[in-house]
Amino acid sequence: MVERVIATDDALALIEKLKEKHGPIIFHQSGGCCDGSSPMCYPEGDLIIGNADVLLGEIGGAKFYMHKSQFDYWKHTQLIIDVVDGRGGMFSLEGVEGKRFLTRSRAFTSEELAQLK
């Protein structure tokens, strides 16, 4: 089955660490405001998910959302959530870990797009 969002092993390890510290977490792909265009990680319940947010899937047991208008631009791609060294968004949970989540992407093949419809 094709997934719209997946995570690297390093990202999955950091997700587990954050869940141990903070309990259930969620992700929302930032649209480029204060913290740039990065996946933002929050304790579940700290960010209100609205009708305009699209659930792309789960990574490491954490739901991953994106705003509908942004999804229209990204719907042809698979998001690959990775981790790199450095400080990321000040609002995202991983900031104090000296790591930051990073979104990579690849275009779906026509066969994969057909499976997603």
PDB file of N, CA and C in Angstrom:
ATOM      1  N   MET A   1       0.823  -1.180   0.000  1.00  0.00           N
ATOM      2  CA  MET A   1       0.000   0.000   0.000  1.00  0.00           C
ATOM      3  C   MET A   1       0.878   1.259   0.000  1.00  0.00           C
ATOM      4  N   VAL A   2       0.512   2.219  -0.784  1.00  0.00           N
ATOM      5  CA  VAL A   2       1.249   3.472  -0.885  1.00  0.00           C
ATOM      6  C   VAL A   2       0.821   4.390   0.264  1.00  0.00           C
ATOM      7  N   GLU A   3       1.802   5.029   0.860  1.00  0.00           N
ATOM      8  CA  GLU A   3       1.518   5.960   1.951  1.00  0.00           C
ATOM      9  C   GLU A   3       1.911   7.369   1.529  1.00  0.00           C
ATOM     10  N   ARG A   4       1.134   8.345   1.955  1.00  0.00           N
ATOM     11  CA  ARG A   4       1.425   9.740   1.621  1.00  0.00           C
ATOM     12  C   ARG A   4       2.573  10.299   2.445  1.00  0.00           C
ATOM     13  N   VAL A   5       2.779   9.759   3.642  1.00  0.00           N
ATOM     14  CA  VAL A   5       3.866  10.229   4.503  1.00  0.00           C
ATOM     15  C   VAL A   5       4.527   9.023   5.153  1.00  0.00           C
ATOM     16  N   ILE A   6       5.864   9.028   5.131  1.00  0.00           N
ATOM     17  CA  ILE A   6       6.655   7.981   5.773  1.00  0.00           C
ATOM     18  C   ILE A   6       7.776   8.659   6.555  1.00  0.00           C
ATOM     19  N   ALA A   7       8.499   7.894   7.355  1.00  0.00           N
ATOM     20  CA  ALA A   7       9.592   8.458   8.148  1.00  0.00           C
ATOM     21  C   ALA A   7      10.811   7.553   8.078  1.00  0.00           C
ATOM     22  N   THR A   8      11.977   8.169   8.157  1.00  0.00           N
ATOM     23  CA  THR A   8      13.224   7.414   8.192  1.00  0.00           C
ATOM     24  C   THR A   8      13.366   6.759   9.573  1.00  0.00           C
ATOM     25  N   ASP A   9      14.297   5.835   9.680  1.00  0.00           N
ATOM     26  CA  ASP A   9      14.553   5.194  10.967  1.00  0.00           C
ATOM     27  C   ASP A   9      14.978   6.209  12.030  1.00  0.00           C
ATOM     28  N   ASP A  10      15.801   7.180  11.635  1.00  0.00           N
ATOM     29  CA  ASP A  10      16.228   8.216  12.591  1.00  0.00           C
ATOM     30  C   ASP A  10      15.039   9.033  13.081  1.00  0.00           C
ATOM     31  N   ALA A  11      14.132   9.368  12.170  1.00  0.00           N
ATOM     32  CA  ALA A  11      12.941  10.120  12.572  1.00  0.00           C
ATOM     33  C   ALA A  11      12.068   9.288  13.500  1.00  0.00           C
ATOM     34  N   LEU A  12      11.906   8.016  13.184  1.00  0.00           N
ATOM     35  CA  LEU A  12      11.090   7.143  14.037  1.00  0.00           C
ATOM     36  C   LEU A  12      11.687   7.021  15.439  1.00  0.00           C
ATOM     37  N   ALA A  13      13.012   6.961  15.534  1.00  0.00           N
ATOM     38  CA  ALA A  13      13.665   6.884  16.850  1.00  0.00           C
ATOM     39  C   ALA A  13      13.417   8.162  17.646  1.00  0.00           C
ATOM     40  N   LEU A  14      13.494   9.319  17.001  1.00  0.00           N
ATOM     41  CA  LEU A  14      13.235  10.577  17.701  1.00  0.00           C
ATOM     42  C   LEU A  14      11.768  10.686  18.098  1.00  0.00           C
ATOM     43  N   ILE A  15      10.882  10.218  17.257  1.00  0.00           N
ATOM     44  CA  ILE A  15       9.449  10.224  17.595  1.00  0.00           C
ATOM     45  C   ILE A  15       9.208   9.416  18.865  1.00  0.00           C
ATOM     46  N   GLU A  16       9.826   8.243  18.958  1.00  0.00           N
ATOM     47  CA  GLU A  16       9.666   7.418  20.162  1.00  0.00           C
ATOM     48  C   GLU A  16      10.191   8.139  21.401  1.00  0.00           C
ATOM     49  N   LYS A  17      11.321   8.788  21.274  1.00  0.00           N
ATOM     50  CA  LYS A  17      11.896   9.542  22.396  1.00  0.00           C
ATOM     51  C   LYS A  17      10.949  10.654  22.838  1.00  0.00           C
ATOM     52  N   LEU A  18      10.377  11.360  21.866  1.00  0.00           N
ATOM     53  CA  LEU A  18       9.460  12.456  22.193  1.00  0.00           C
ATOM     54  C   LEU A  18       8.175  11.936  22.826  1.00  0.00           C
ATOM     55  N   LYS A  19       7.686  10.794  22.362  1.00  0.00           N
ATOM     56  CA  LYS A  19       6.476  10.213  22.961  1.00  0.00           C
ATOM     57  C   LYS A  19       6.736   9.771  24.394  1.00  0.00           C
ATOM     58  N   GLU A  20       7.936   9.259  24.667  1.00  0.00           N
ATOM     59  CA  GLU A  20       8.272   8.874  26.036  1.00  0.00           C
ATOM     60  C   GLU A  20       8.271  10.090  26.961  1.00  0.00           C
ATOM     61  N   LYS A  21       8.739  11.232  26.467  1.00  0.00           N
ATOM     62  CA  LYS A  21       8.813  12.449  27.269  1.00  0.00           C
ATOM     63  C   LYS A  21       7.478  13.181  27.380  1.00  0.00           C
ATOM     64  N   HIS A  22       6.721  13.206  26.292  1.00  0.00           N
ATOM     65  CA  HIS A  22       5.557  14.082  26.206  1.00  0.00           C
ATOM     66  C   HIS A  22       4.218  13.367  26.056  1.00  0.00           C
ATOM     67  N   GLY A  23       4.231  12.054  25.927  1.00  0.00           N
ATOM     68  CA  GLY A  23       2.990  11.329  25.663  1.00  0.00           C
ATOM     69  C   GLY A  23       2.649  11.390  24.179  1.00  0.00           C
ATOM     70  N   PRO A  24       1.378  11.184  23.834  1.00  0.00           N
ATOM     71  CA  PRO A  24       0.989  11.185  22.418  1.00  0.00           C
ATOM     72  C   PRO A  24       1.320  12.521  21.745  1.00  0.00           C
ATOM     73  N   ILE A  25       1.794  12.435  20.501  1.00  0.00           N
ATOM     74  CA  ILE A  25       2.167  13.628  19.740  1.00  0.00           C
ATOM     75  C   ILE A  25       1.497  13.610  18.368  1.00  0.00           C
ATOM     76  N   ILE A  26       1.486  14.774  17.735  1.00  0.00           N
ATOM     77  CA  ILE A  26       1.001  14.891  16.360  1.00  0.00           C
ATOM     78  C   ILE A  26       1.983  15.755  15.573  1.00  0.00           C
ATOM     79  N   PHE A  27       1.853  15.689  14.252  1.00  0.00           N
ATOM     80  CA  PHE A  27       2.646  16.530  13.355  1.00  0.00           C
ATOM     81  C   PHE A  27       1.716  17.361  12.489  1.00  0.00           C
ATOM     82  N   HIS A  28       2.192  18.554  12.148  1.00  0.00           N
ATOM     83  CA  HIS A  28       1.503  19.396  11.168  1.00  0.00           C
ATOM     84  C   HIS A  28       2.589  20.004  10.290  1.00  0.00           C
ATOM     85  N   GLN A  29       2.462  19.808   8.990  1.00  0.00           N
ATOM     86  CA  GLN A  29       3.439  20.371   8.060  1.00  0.00           C
ATOM     87  C   GLN A  29       3.244  21.883   8.000  1.00  0.00           C
ATOM     88  N   SER A  30       4.245  22.613   8.440  1.00  0.00           N
ATOM     89  CA  SER A  30       4.168  24.066   8.459  1.00  0.00           C
ATOM     90  C   SER A  30       4.084  24.601   7.038  1.00  0.00           C
ATOM     91  N   GLY A  31       3.341  25.675   6.891  1.00  0.00           N
ATOM     92  CA  GLY A  31       3.178  26.288   5.579  1.00  0.00           C
ATOM     93  C   GLY A  31       4.161  27.402   5.294  1.00  0.00           C
ATOM     94  N   GLY A  32       5.147  27.619   6.143  1.00  0.00           N
ATOM     95  CA  GLY A  32       6.169  28.595   5.844  1.00  0.00           C
ATOM     96  C   GLY A  32       6.073  29.897   6.599  1.00  0.00           C
ATOM     97  N   CYS A  33       5.399  29.917   7.709  1.00  0.00           N
ATOM     98  CA  CYS A  33       5.297  31.152   8.497  1.00  0.00           C
ATOM     99  C   CYS A  33       6.544  31.307   9.370  1.00  0.00           C
ATOM    100  N   CYS A  34       6.361  31.410  10.652  1.00  0.00           N
ATOM    101  CA  CYS A  34       7.441  31.699  11.600  1.00  0.00           C
ATOM    102  C   CYS A  34       8.596  30.702  11.546  1.00  0.00           C
ATOM    103  N   ASP A  35       8.285  29.433  11.437  1.00  0.00           N
ATOM    104  CA  ASP A  35       9.321  28.406  11.490  1.00  0.00           C
ATOM    105  C   ASP A  35       9.623  27.799  10.132  1.00  0.00           C
ATOM    106  N   GLY A  36       9.282  28.468   9.054  1.00  0.00           N
ATOM    107  CA  GLY A  36       9.582  27.947   7.734  1.00  0.00           C
ATOM    108  C   GLY A  36       8.651  26.820   7.348  1.00  0.00           C
ATOM    109  N   SER A  37       9.058  26.062   6.371  1.00  0.00           N
ATOM    110  CA  SER A  37       8.252  24.948   5.871  1.00  0.00           C
ATOM    111  C   SER A  37       8.808  23.646   6.419  1.00  0.00           C
ATOM    112  N   SER A  38       8.539  23.387   7.661  1.00  0.00           N
ATOM    113  CA  SER A  38       9.064  22.178   8.295  1.00  0.00           C
ATOM    114  C   SER A  38       7.936  21.450   9.007  1.00  0.00           C
ATOM    115  N   PRO A  39       8.130  20.152   9.232  1.00  0.00           N
ATOM    116  CA  PRO A  39       7.120  19.424  10.002  1.00  0.00           C
ATOM    117  C   PRO A  39       7.214  19.829  11.469  1.00  0.00           C
ATOM    118  N   MET A  40       6.121  20.257  12.014  1.00  0.00           N
ATOM    119  CA  MET A  40       6.077  20.713  13.396  1.00  0.00           C
ATOM    120  C   MET A  40       5.464  19.616  14.258  1.00  0.00           C
ATOM    121  N   CYS A  41       6.077  19.362  15.397  1.00  0.00           N
ATOM    122  CA  CYS A  41       5.657  18.291  16.297  1.00  0.00           C
ATOM    123  C   CYS A  41       5.112  18.916  17.584  1.00  0.00           C
ATOM    124  N   TYR A  42       3.906  18.482  17.974  1.00  0.00           N
ATOM    125  CA  TYR A  42       3.230  19.031  19.147  1.00  0.00           C
ATOM    126  C   TYR A  42       2.681  17.902  20.017  1.00  0.00           C
ATOM    127  N   PRO A  43       2.536  18.154  21.315  1.00  0.00           N
ATOM    128  CA  PRO A  43       1.785  17.199  22.126  1.00  0.00           C
ATOM    129  C   PRO A  43       0.353  17.134  21.588  1.00  0.00           C
ATOM    130  N   GLU A  44      -0.193  15.950  21.539  1.00  0.00           N
ATOM    131  CA  GLU A  44      -1.571  15.803  21.051  1.00  0.00           C
ATOM    132  C   GLU A  44      -2.489  16.699  21.886  1.00  0.00           C
ATOM    133  N   GLY A  45      -3.320  17.488  21.212  1.00  0.00           N
ATOM    134  CA  GLY A  45      -4.232  18.386  21.887  1.00  0.00           C
ATOM    135  C   GLY A  45      -3.741  19.822  21.981  1.00  0.00           C
ATOM    136  N   ASP A  46      -2.449  20.061  21.746  1.00  0.00           N
ATOM    137  CA  ASP A  46      -1.923  21.425  21.822  1.00  0.00           C
ATOM    138  C   ASP A  46      -2.191  22.239  20.560  1.00  0.00           C
ATOM    139  N   LEU A  47      -2.433  21.585  19.449  1.00  0.00           N
ATOM    140  CA  LEU A  47      -2.745  22.267  18.198  1.00  0.00           C
ATOM    141  C   LEU A  47      -4.151  21.861  17.788  1.00  0.00           C
ATOM    142  N   ILE A  48      -4.979  22.839  17.544  1.00  0.00           N
ATOM    143  CA  ILE A  48      -6.354  22.534  17.135  1.00  0.00           C
ATOM    144  C   ILE A  48      -6.355  22.196  15.650  1.00  0.00           C
ATOM    145  N   ILE A  49      -6.808  20.997  15.334  1.00  0.00           N
ATOM    146  CA  ILE A  49      -6.930  20.548  13.947  1.00  0.00           C
ATOM    147  C   ILE A  49      -8.315  20.957  13.466  1.00  0.00           C
ATOM    148  N   GLY A  50      -8.343  21.648  12.336  1.00  0.00           N
ATOM    149  CA  GLY A  50      -9.609  22.157  11.825  1.00  0.00           C
ATOM    150  C   GLY A  50     -10.094  21.415  10.594  1.00  0.00           C
ATOM    151  N   ASN A  51     -11.246  21.863  10.098  1.00  0.00           N
ATOM    152  CA  ASN A  51     -11.839  21.250   8.909  1.00  0.00           C
ATOM    153  C   ASN A  51     -10.970  21.413   7.669  1.00  0.00           C
ATOM    154  N   ALA A  52     -10.077  22.392   7.667  1.00  0.00           N
ATOM    155  CA  ALA A  52      -9.219  22.645   6.515  1.00  0.00           C
ATOM    156  C   ALA A  52      -7.914  21.857   6.568  1.00  0.00           C
ATOM    157  N   ASP A  53      -7.738  21.024   7.598  1.00  0.00           N
ATOM    158  CA  ASP A  53      -6.533  20.203   7.712  1.00  0.00           C
ATOM    159  C   ASP A  53      -6.803  18.804   7.180  1.00  0.00           C
ATOM    160  N   VAL A  54      -5.831  18.275   6.436  1.00  0.00           N
ATOM    161  CA  VAL A  54      -5.932  16.953   5.823  1.00  0.00           C
ATOM    162  C   VAL A  54      -5.034  15.995   6.596  1.00  0.00           C
ATOM    163  N   LEU A  55      -5.576  14.852   6.989  1.00  0.00           N
ATOM    164  CA  LEU A  55      -4.781  13.800   7.632  1.00  0.00           C
ATOM    165  C   LEU A  55      -4.091  13.010   6.529  1.00  0.00           C
ATOM    166  N   LEU A  56      -2.760  13.083   6.486  1.00  0.00           N
ATOM    167  CA  LEU A  56      -2.008  12.367   5.451  1.00  0.00           C
ATOM    168  C   LEU A  56      -1.713  10.933   5.837  1.00  0.00           C
ATOM    169  N   GLY A  57      -1.644  10.665   7.127  1.00  0.00           N
ATOM    170  CA  GLY A  57      -1.302   9.332   7.610  1.00  0.00           C
ATOM    171  C   GLY A  57      -0.685   9.428   8.989  1.00  0.00           C
ATOM    172  N   GLU A  58       0.056   8.390   9.334  1.00  0.00           N
ATOM    173  CA  GLU A  58       0.738   8.347  10.630  1.00  0.00           C
ATOM    174  C   GLU A  58       2.183   7.945  10.434  1.00  0.00           C
ATOM    175  N   ILE A  59       3.043   8.507  11.274  1.00  0.00           N
ATOM    176  CA  ILE A  59       4.443   8.074  11.333  1.00  0.00           C
ATOM    177  C   ILE A  59       4.763   7.786  12.789  1.00  0.00           C
ATOM    178  N   GLY A  60       5.241   6.598  13.054  1.00  0.00           N
ATOM    179  CA  GLY A  60       5.564   6.237  14.427  1.00  0.00           C
ATOM    180  C   GLY A  60       4.387   6.333  15.371  1.00  0.00           C
ATOM    181  N   GLY A  61       3.184   6.134  14.853  1.00  0.00           N
ATOM    182  CA  GLY A  61       1.987   6.218  15.682  1.00  0.00           C
ATOM    183  C   GLY A  61       1.493   7.638  15.911  1.00  0.00           C
ATOM    184  N   ALA A  62       2.114   8.614  15.259  1.00  0.00           N
ATOM    185  CA  ALA A  62       1.708  10.019  15.398  1.00  0.00           C
ATOM    186  C   ALA A  62       1.015  10.466  14.115  1.00  0.00           C
ATOM    187  N   LYS A  63      -0.161  11.040  14.239  1.00  0.00           N
ATOM    188  CA  LYS A  63      -0.893  11.525  13.073  1.00  0.00           C
ATOM    189  C   LYS A  63      -0.157  12.706  12.456  1.00  0.00           C
ATOM    190  N   PHE A  64      -0.244  12.784  11.127  1.00  0.00           N
ATOM    191  CA  PHE A  64       0.462  13.818  10.370  1.00  0.00           C
ATOM    192  C   PHE A  64      -0.538  14.572   9.502  1.00  0.00           C
ATOM    193  N   TYR A  65      -0.635  15.887   9.728  1.00  0.00           N
ATOM    194  CA  TYR A  65      -1.616  16.731   9.038  1.00  0.00           C
ATOM    195  C   TYR A  65      -0.932  17.784   8.175  1.00  0.00           C
ATOM    196  N   MET A  66      -1.717  18.298   7.232  1.00  0.00           N
ATOM    197  CA  MET A  66      -1.294  19.405   6.377  1.00  0.00           C
ATOM    198  C   MET A  66      -2.545  20.198   6.017  1.00  0.00           C
ATOM    199  N   HIS A  67      -2.408  21.515   5.896  1.00  0.00           N
ATOM    200  CA  HIS A  67      -3.546  22.340   5.502  1.00  0.00           C
ATOM    201  C   HIS A  67      -3.972  21.991   4.076  1.00  0.00           C
ATOM    202  N   LYS A  68      -5.270  22.012   3.833  1.00  0.00           N
ATOM    203  CA  LYS A  68      -5.847  21.626   2.544  1.00  0.00           C
ATOM    204  C   LYS A  68      -5.249  22.411   1.377  1.00  0.00           C
ATOM    205  N   SER A  69      -5.054  23.707   1.529  1.00  0.00           N
ATOM    206  CA  SER A  69      -4.506  24.510   0.429  1.00  0.00           C
ATOM    207  C   SER A  69      -3.073  24.102   0.102  1.00  0.00           C
ATOM    208  N   GLN A  70      -2.297  23.738   1.114  1.00  0.00           N
ATOM    209  CA  GLN A  70      -0.930  23.271   0.887  1.00  0.00           C
ATOM    210  C   GLN A  70      -0.950  21.863   0.275  1.00  0.00           C
ATOM    211  N   PHE A  71      -1.884  21.048   0.716  1.00  0.00           N
ATOM    212  CA  PHE A  71      -2.010  19.690   0.193  1.00  0.00           C
ATOM    213  C   PHE A  71      -2.234  19.702  -1.318  1.00  0.00           C
ATOM    214  N   ASP A  72      -2.978  20.679  -1.812  1.00  0.00           N
ATOM    215  CA  ASP A  72      -3.227  20.772  -3.254  1.00  0.00           C
ATOM    216  C   ASP A  72      -1.925  20.852  -4.050  1.00  0.00           C
ATOM    217  N   TYR A  73      -0.894  21.468  -3.475  1.00  0.00           N
ATOM    218  CA  TYR A  73       0.404  21.562  -4.142  1.00  0.00           C
ATOM    219  C   TYR A  73       1.245  20.295  -3.969  1.00  0.00           C
ATOM    220  N   TRP A  74       1.038  19.587  -2.872  1.00  0.00           N
ATOM    221  CA  TRP A  74       1.887  18.445  -2.525  1.00  0.00           C
ATOM    222  C   TRP A  74       1.236  17.085  -2.788  1.00  0.00           C
ATOM    223  N   LYS A  75       0.013  17.034  -3.244  1.00  0.00           N
ATOM    224  CA  LYS A  75      -0.721  15.768  -3.339  1.00  0.00           C
ATOM    225  C   LYS A  75      -0.088  14.762  -4.288  1.00  0.00           C
ATOM    226  N   HIS A  76       0.772  15.196  -5.173  1.00  0.00           N
ATOM    227  CA  HIS A  76       1.435  14.286  -6.108  1.00  0.00           C
ATOM    228  C   HIS A  76       2.754  13.735  -5.553  1.00  0.00           C
ATOM    229  N   THR A  77       3.070  14.080  -4.301  1.00  0.00           N
ATOM    230  CA  THR A  77       4.341  13.656  -3.717  1.00  0.00           C
ATOM    231  C   THR A  77       4.158  12.874  -2.425  1.00  0.00           C
ATOM    232  N   GLN A  78       5.124  12.015  -2.174  1.00  0.00           N
ATOM    233  CA  GLN A  78       5.195  11.325  -0.888  1.00  0.00           C
ATOM    234  C   GLN A  78       6.136  12.131  -0.005  1.00  0.00           C
ATOM    235  N   LEU A  79       5.699  12.447   1.199  1.00  0.00           N
ATOM    236  CA  LEU A  79       6.548  13.160   2.152  1.00  0.00           C
ATOM    237  C   LEU A  79       7.374  12.149   2.925  1.00  0.00           C
ATOM    238  N   ILE A  80       8.653  12.414   3.034  1.00  0.00           N
ATOM    239  CA  ILE A  80       9.582  11.550   3.759  1.00  0.00           C
ATOM    240  C   ILE A  80      10.144  12.390   4.901  1.00  0.00           C
ATOM    241  N   ILE A  81       9.742  12.067   6.120  1.00  0.00           N
ATOM    242  CA  ILE A  81      10.167  12.850   7.279  1.00  0.00           C
ATOM    243  C   ILE A  81      11.480  12.279   7.797  1.00  0.00           C
ATOM    244  N   ASP A  82      12.465  13.159   7.897  1.00  0.00           N
ATOM    245  CA  ASP A  82      13.805  12.784   8.315  1.00  0.00           C
ATOM    246  C   ASP A  82      14.210  13.660   9.494  1.00  0.00           C
ATOM    247  N   VAL A  83      15.393  13.423  10.031  1.00  0.00           N
ATOM    248  CA  VAL A  83      15.936  14.199  11.142  1.00  0.00           C
ATOM    249  C   VAL A  83      17.353  14.613  10.787  1.00  0.00           C
ATOM    250  N   VAL A  84      17.685  15.852  11.096  1.00  0.00           N
ATOM    251  CA  VAL A  84      19.045  16.344  10.923  1.00  0.00           C
ATOM    252  C   VAL A  84      19.468  17.047  12.208  1.00  0.00           C
ATOM    253  N   ASP A  85      20.771  17.198  12.383  1.00  0.00           N
ATOM    254  CA  ASP A  85      21.287  17.937  13.536  1.00  0.00           C
ATOM    255  C   ASP A  85      20.994  19.412  13.382  1.00  0.00           C
ATOM    256  N   GLY A  86      20.774  20.063  14.489  1.00  0.00           N
ATOM    257  CA  GLY A  86      20.544  21.505  14.482  1.00  0.00           C
ATOM    258  C   GLY A  86      19.229  21.854  15.135  1.00  0.00           C
ATOM    259  N   ARG A  87      19.060  23.121  15.352  1.00  0.00           N
ATOM    260  CA  ARG A  87      17.828  23.612  15.982  1.00  0.00           C
ATOM    261  C   ARG A  87      16.836  23.965  14.898  1.00  0.00           C
ATOM    262  N   GLY A  88      15.635  23.480  15.074  1.00  0.00           N
ATOM    263  CA  GLY A  88      14.582  23.758  14.118  1.00  0.00           C
ATOM    264  C   GLY A  88      13.624  24.790  14.656  1.00  0.00           C
ATOM    265  N   GLY A  89      12.360  24.548  14.421  1.00  0.00           N
ATOM    266  CA  GLY A  89      11.322  25.477  14.841  1.00  0.00           C
ATOM    267  C   GLY A  89      11.230  25.591  16.351  1.00  0.00           C
ATOM    268  N   MET A  90      11.102  26.801  16.820  1.00  0.00           N
ATOM    269  CA  MET A  90      11.046  27.013  18.266  1.00  0.00           C
ATOM    270  C   MET A  90       9.760  26.486  18.875  1.00  0.00           C
ATOM    271  N   PHE A  91       8.751  26.219  18.056  1.00  0.00           N
ATOM    272  CA  PHE A  91       7.481  25.728  18.571  1.00  0.00           C
ATOM    273  C   PHE A  91       7.388  24.206  18.536  1.00  0.00           C
ATOM    274  N   SER A  92       8.329  23.550  17.895  1.00  0.00           N
ATOM    275  CA  SER A  92       8.277  22.105  17.714  1.00  0.00           C
ATOM    276  C   SER A  92       9.019  21.389  18.843  1.00  0.00           C
ATOM    277  N   LEU A  93       8.480  20.263  19.287  1.00  0.00           N
ATOM    278  CA  LEU A  93       9.002  19.564  20.467  1.00  0.00           C
ATOM    279  C   LEU A  93      10.466  19.135  20.365  1.00  0.00           C
ATOM    280  N   GLU A  94      10.941  18.836  19.180  1.00  0.00           N
ATOM    281  CA  GLU A  94      12.299  18.286  19.057  1.00  0.00           C
ATOM    282  C   GLU A  94      13.385  19.338  19.218  1.00  0.00           C
ATOM    283  N   GLY A  95      13.024  20.621  19.254  1.00  0.00           N
ATOM    284  CA  GLY A  95      14.010  21.697  19.312  1.00  0.00           C
ATOM    285  C   GLY A  95      15.022  21.559  20.428  1.00  0.00           C
ATOM    286  N   VAL A  96      14.608  21.122  21.596  1.00  0.00           N
ATOM    287  CA  VAL A  96      15.525  21.008  22.736  1.00  0.00           C
ATOM    288  C   VAL A  96      16.435  19.784  22.639  1.00  0.00           C
ATOM    289  N   GLU A  97      16.183  18.921  21.670  1.00  0.00           N
ATOM    290  CA  GLU A  97      16.986  17.706  21.509  1.00  0.00           C
ATOM    291  C   GLU A  97      18.221  17.939  20.640  1.00  0.00           C
ATOM    292  N   GLY A  98      18.371  19.145  20.091  1.00  0.00           N
ATOM    293  CA  GLY A  98      19.504  19.412  19.197  1.00  0.00           C
ATOM    294  C   GLY A  98      19.304  18.800  17.822  1.00  0.00           C
ATOM    295  N   LYS A  99      18.072  18.450  17.522  1.00  0.00           N
ATOM    296  CA  LYS A  99      17.699  17.842  16.235  1.00  0.00           C
ATOM    297  C   LYS A  99      16.520  18.613  15.683  1.00  0.00           C
ATOM    298  N   ARG A 100      16.273  18.434  14.389  1.00  0.00           N
ATOM    299  CA  ARG A 100      15.067  18.997  13.816  1.00  0.00           C
ATOM    300  C   ARG A 100      14.537  18.065  12.744  1.00  0.00           C
ATOM    301  N   PHE A 101      13.230  18.006  12.666  1.00  0.00           N
ATOM    302  CA  PHE A 101      12.595  17.222  11.619  1.00  0.00           C
ATOM    303  C   PHE A 101      12.709  17.991  10.308  1.00  0.00           C
ATOM    304  N   LEU A 102      12.820  17.251   9.224  1.00  0.00           N
ATOM    305  CA  LEU A 102      12.983  17.816   7.897  1.00  0.00           C
ATOM    306  C   LEU A 102      12.102  17.025   6.938  1.00  0.00           C
ATOM    307  N   THR A 103      11.422  17.720   6.039  1.00  0.00           N
ATOM    308  CA  THR A 103      10.588  17.056   5.040  1.00  0.00           C
ATOM    309  C   THR A 103      11.340  16.954   3.725  1.00  0.00           C
ATOM    310  N   ARG A 104      11.460  15.731   3.260  1.00  0.00           N
ATOM    311  CA  ARG A 104      11.964  15.464   1.910  1.00  0.00           C
ATOM    312  C   ARG A 104      10.760  14.954   1.129  1.00  0.00           C
ATOM    313  N   SER A 105      10.857  14.893  -0.171  1.00  0.00           N
ATOM    314  CA  SER A 105       9.715  14.385  -0.932  1.00  0.00           C
ATOM    315  C   SER A 105      10.177  13.725  -2.212  1.00  0.00           C
ATOM    316  N   ARG A 106       9.277  12.941  -2.766  1.00  0.00           N
ATOM    317  CA  ARG A 106       9.498  12.347  -4.079  1.00  0.00           C
ATOM    318  C   ARG A 106       8.148  12.287  -4.771  1.00  0.00           C
ATOM    319  N   ALA A 107       8.161  12.416  -6.083  1.00  0.00           N
ATOM    320  CA  ALA A 107       6.914  12.359  -6.846  1.00  0.00           C
ATOM    321  C   ALA A 107       6.418  10.914  -6.902  1.00  0.00           C
ATOM    322  N   PHE A 108       5.112  10.748  -6.732  1.00  0.00           N
ATOM    323  CA  PHE A 108       4.513   9.433  -6.894  1.00  0.00           C
ATOM    324  C   PHE A 108       4.572   9.024  -8.362  1.00  0.00           C
ATOM    325  N   THR A 109       4.693   7.735  -8.604  1.00  0.00           N
ATOM    326  CA  THR A 109       4.565   7.230  -9.967  1.00  0.00           C
ATOM    327  C   THR A 109       3.091   7.264 -10.350  1.00  0.00           C
ATOM    328  N   SER A 110       2.784   7.152 -11.624  1.00  0.00           N
ATOM    329  CA  SER A 110       1.379   7.166 -12.053  1.00  0.00           C
ATOM    330  C   SER A 110       0.627   5.975 -11.454  1.00  0.00           C
ATOM    331  N   GLU A 111       1.315   4.835 -11.281  1.00  0.00           N
ATOM    332  CA  GLU A 111       0.674   3.667 -10.665  1.00  0.00           C
ATOM    333  C   GLU A 111       0.335   3.947  -9.202  1.00  0.00           C
ATOM    334  N   GLU A 112       1.246   4.595  -8.491  1.00  0.00           N
ATOM    335  CA  GLU A 112       0.996   4.926  -7.092  1.00  0.00           C
ATOM    336  C   GLU A 112      -0.146   5.924  -6.968  1.00  0.00           C
ATOM    337  N   LEU A 113      -0.175   6.923  -7.825  1.00  0.00           N
ATOM    338  CA  LEU A 113      -1.276   7.897  -7.786  1.00  0.00           C
ATOM    339  C   LEU A 113      -2.613   7.225  -8.008  1.00  0.00           C
ATOM    340  N   ALA A 114      -2.654   6.243  -8.901  1.00  0.00           N
ATOM    341  CA  ALA A 114      -3.903   5.521  -9.158  1.00  0.00           C
ATOM    342  C   ALA A 114      -4.353   4.765  -7.904  1.00  0.00           C
ATOM    343  N   GLN A 115      -3.408   4.234  -7.128  1.00  0.00           N
ATOM    344  CA  GLN A 115      -3.743   3.519  -5.892  1.00  0.00           C
ATOM    345  C   GLN A 115      -4.300   4.469  -4.828  1.00  0.00           C
ATOM    346  N   LEU A 116      -3.851   5.707  -4.845  1.00  0.00           N
ATOM    347  CA  LEU A 116      -4.265   6.672  -3.829  1.00  0.00           C
ATOM    348  C   LEU A 116      -5.675   7.210  -4.061  1.00  0.00           C
ATOM    349  N   LYS A 117      -6.178   7.102  -5.282  1.00  0.00           N
ATOM    350  CA  LYS A 117      -7.497   7.668  -5.593  1.00  0.00           C
ATOM    351  C   LYS A 117      -8.612   6.810  -5.079  1.00  0.00           C
TER     352      LYS A 117
END
